Amino acid sequence: MRMRNSQRRNDKLIKEKRKDTYRGKNTLPAIQTCTSCGAVFMNGRWTWNEIENHAIKTMCPACRRISDNYPAGFIEIKGRFFEGHEKEIENLIRNTEKLEKNERPLERIISMKLSKGFAQLTTTGVHIARRIGEALSRSYQGNFTFKYLNGEKGIRVYWER
């Protein structure tokens, strides 16, 4: 038996959009400065600009993620190539973080655990995690893959050689 349009069931589950609690509101009312890192929120974005003391004191989303240990990016590095080049790869990661952090103050490394043949990193944002994976792939080739989590609010990056 075929149903007419007016007789179709309307009891489907509606999937809610997930909110990123660390993102904050799109427009904050005044100039704000982070008490931990010194980043400044003005004109709708976080920057490293210097401002006068009349800004509202707050904690930026990156510092909140770090204090809560709630990463947005996860990076796994493994393989025999990594065993002999740990220092080089660590320097590449630190330099990539420095470049990314200068452009985007909210993109930082939370933790870096290095062991024999394996490294695990966590980041405050998805951009830095992907950029580190791309830098490794560009510099040393190997197998580079990534997967977005939670509707692009998280990312897992894998690199192996």
Protein backbone atom coordinates (compact mmCIF):
# COMPACT_ATOMS: atom_id res chain seq x y z
CA MET A 1 0.00 0.00 0.00
CA ARG A 2 1.35 3.37 -0.99
CA MET A 3 1.01 6.44 1.26
CA ARG A 4 0.22 9.90 0.07
CA ASN A 5 2.50 12.80 0.97
CA SER A 6 0.15 14.00 3.67
CA GLN A 7 0.11 10.59 5.35
CA ARG A 8 3.88 10.07 5.74
CA ARG A 9 5.34 9.56 9.16
CA ASN A 10 7.05 12.57 10.67
CA ASP A 11 8.65 10.93 13.69
CA LYS A 12 12.24 10.87 12.42
CA LEU A 13 15.03 11.67 14.86
CA ILE A 14 16.56 15.05 14.32
CA LYS A 15 20.30 15.11 14.75
CA GLU A 16 21.37 18.16 16.70
CA LYS A 17 24.39 20.18 15.71
CA ARG A 18 27.22 19.79 18.21
CA LYS A 19 28.43 23.00 19.77
CA ASP A 20 32.09 23.62 20.43
CA THR A 21 32.09 25.00 23.96
CA TYR A 22 35.62 26.32 23.54
CA ARG A 23 34.73 28.39 20.50
CA GLY A 24 32.83 31.12 22.33
CA LYS A 25 30.46 33.63 20.86
CA ASN A 26 31.11 35.05 17.40
CA THR A 27 31.20 38.61 18.62
CA LEU A 28 32.34 39.44 22.11
CA PRO A 29 31.24 42.87 23.36
CA ALA A 30 34.62 44.49 23.97
CA ILE A 31 38.34 44.07 23.57
CA GLN A 32 39.50 41.14 25.68
CA THR A 33 42.91 39.84 26.62
CA CYS A 34 43.91 36.37 27.82
CA THR A 35 45.37 36.30 31.31
CA SER A 36 47.48 33.20 30.53
CA CYS A 37 49.08 33.80 27.13
CA GLY A 38 48.41 37.47 26.41
CA ALA A 39 46.41 36.93 23.19
CA VAL A 40 43.97 39.72 22.38
CA PHE A 41 40.41 39.42 21.05
CA MET A 42 39.36 42.38 18.93
CA ASN A 43 37.48 42.90 15.68
CA GLY A 44 36.10 39.36 15.86
CA ARG A 45 39.35 37.39 16.14
CA TRP A 46 42.21 36.48 18.47
CA THR A 47 45.58 38.07 17.64
CA TRP A 48 48.92 38.82 19.25
CA ASN A 49 48.39 42.62 19.10
CA GLU A 50 49.47 44.74 22.04
CA ILE A 51 46.75 46.77 23.72
CA GLU A 52 46.30 49.13 26.61
CA ASN A 53 45.26 47.96 30.06
CA HIS A 54 41.55 48.78 29.70
CA ALA A 55 40.71 45.42 28.06
CA ILE A 56 38.54 42.84 29.81
CA LYS A 57 40.61 40.02 31.32
CA THR A 58 39.56 36.52 30.30
CA MET A 59 41.00 33.16 29.24
CA CYS A 60 41.25 32.41 25.52
CA PRO A 61 39.75 29.16 24.13
CA ALA A 62 43.24 27.65 23.58
CA CYS A 63 44.30 28.21 27.18
CA ARG A 64 40.98 26.78 28.39
CA ARG A 65 41.54 23.66 26.24
CA ILE A 66 45.07 23.32 27.63
CA SER A 67 43.96 23.73 31.26
CA ASP A 68 41.09 21.24 30.75
CA ASN A 69 43.35 18.90 28.71
CA TYR A 70 40.63 18.68 26.05
CA PRO A 71 42.43 18.48 22.68
CA ALA A 72 40.84 19.08 19.28
CA GLY A 73 43.67 17.41 17.35
CA PHE A 74 45.42 14.08 17.80
CA ILE A 75 48.57 13.19 15.85
CA GLU A 76 50.22 9.77 15.71
CA ILE A 77 53.70 9.39 14.19
CA LYS A 78 55.29 5.98 13.87
CA GLY A 79 57.61 3.81 11.81
CA ARG A 80 61.23 2.78 11.51
CA PHE A 81 62.16 6.09 9.88
CA PHE A 82 60.99 7.95 12.98
CA GLU A 83 63.32 5.92 15.22
CA GLY A 84 66.44 7.36 13.60
CA HIS A 85 65.14 10.90 13.05
CA GLU A 86 63.32 11.84 16.27
CA LYS A 87 65.23 15.10 16.79
CA GLU A 88 64.73 16.27 13.18
CA ILE A 89 61.03 15.50 13.30
CA GLU A 90 60.63 17.18 16.69
CA ASN A 91 62.32 20.32 15.29
CA LEU A 92 60.01 20.25 12.25
CA ILE A 93 56.99 19.97 14.56
CA ARG A 94 58.17 22.85 16.79
CA ASN A 95 58.89 25.09 13.77
CA THR A 96 55.48 24.29 12.28
CA GLU A 97 53.85 25.13 15.61
CA LYS A 98 55.71 28.43 15.75
CA LEU A 99 54.55 29.41 12.24
CA GLU A 100 50.96 28.37 12.88
CA LYS A 101 50.82 30.05 16.28
CA ASN A 102 52.00 33.35 14.77
CA GLU A 103 49.10 33.28 12.30
CA ARG A 104 46.49 31.77 14.61
CA PRO A 105 47.03 32.29 18.37
CA LEU A 106 44.49 29.57 19.23
CA GLU A 107 46.45 26.82 17.42
CA ARG A 108 48.99 25.24 19.80
CA ILE A 109 50.46 21.92 20.85
CA ILE A 110 49.09 20.70 24.18
CA SER A 111 51.38 17.71 24.66
CA MET A 112 54.06 15.77 22.83
CA LYS A 113 55.00 12.26 23.98
CA LEU A 114 57.99 10.76 22.18
CA SER A 115 59.04 7.16 22.62
CA LYS A 116 61.07 4.71 20.57
CA GLY A 117 59.45 4.49 17.14
CA PHE A 118 56.27 6.32 18.17
CA ALA A 119 55.10 9.85 18.95
CA GLN A 120 51.74 11.10 20.09
CA LEU A 121 50.76 14.77 20.03
CA THR A 122 47.63 16.64 21.02
CA THR A 123 46.71 20.11 19.79
CA THR A 124 44.23 22.84 20.62
CA GLY A 125 42.93 23.08 17.05
CA VAL A 126 42.46 21.16 13.83
CA HIS A 127 44.54 23.51 11.66
CA ILE A 128 47.83 22.91 13.44
CA ALA A 129 47.32 19.14 13.55
CA ARG A 130 46.71 18.95 9.81
CA ARG A 131 49.53 21.38 9.07
CA ILE A 132 52.00 19.22 11.08
CA GLY A 133 50.88 16.12 9.15
CA GLU A 134 51.26 17.94 5.84
CA ALA A 135 54.73 19.21 6.82
CA LEU A 136 55.85 15.67 7.69
CA SER A 137 54.47 14.35 4.42
CA ARG A 138 56.09 17.14 2.39
CA SER A 139 59.47 16.79 4.09
CA TYR A 140 59.78 13.02 4.51
CA GLN A 141 57.04 11.55 2.28
CA GLY A 142 55.51 8.46 3.96
CA ASN A 143 51.85 7.63 4.53
CA PHE A 144 49.81 10.62 5.69
CA THR A 145 46.10 10.33 6.46
CA PHE A 146 43.63 12.32 8.53
CA LYS A 147 40.05 12.02 9.65
CA TYR A 148 37.78 14.77 10.94
CA LEU A 149 35.81 14.04 14.11
CA ASN A 150 32.68 15.60 15.57
CA GLY A 151 31.71 17.50 12.43
CA GLU A 152 35.11 19.15 11.86
CA LYS A 153 35.60 20.16 15.50
CA GLY A 154 38.28 17.51 15.95
CA ILE A 155 40.84 15.70 13.81
CA ARG A 156 43.02 12.59 13.94
CA VAL A 157 46.23 12.71 11.90
CA TYR A 158 48.39 9.66 11.15
CA TRP A 159 51.86 9.69 9.59
CA GLU A 160 54.06 6.65 9.13
CA ARG A 161 57.24 5.81 7.28
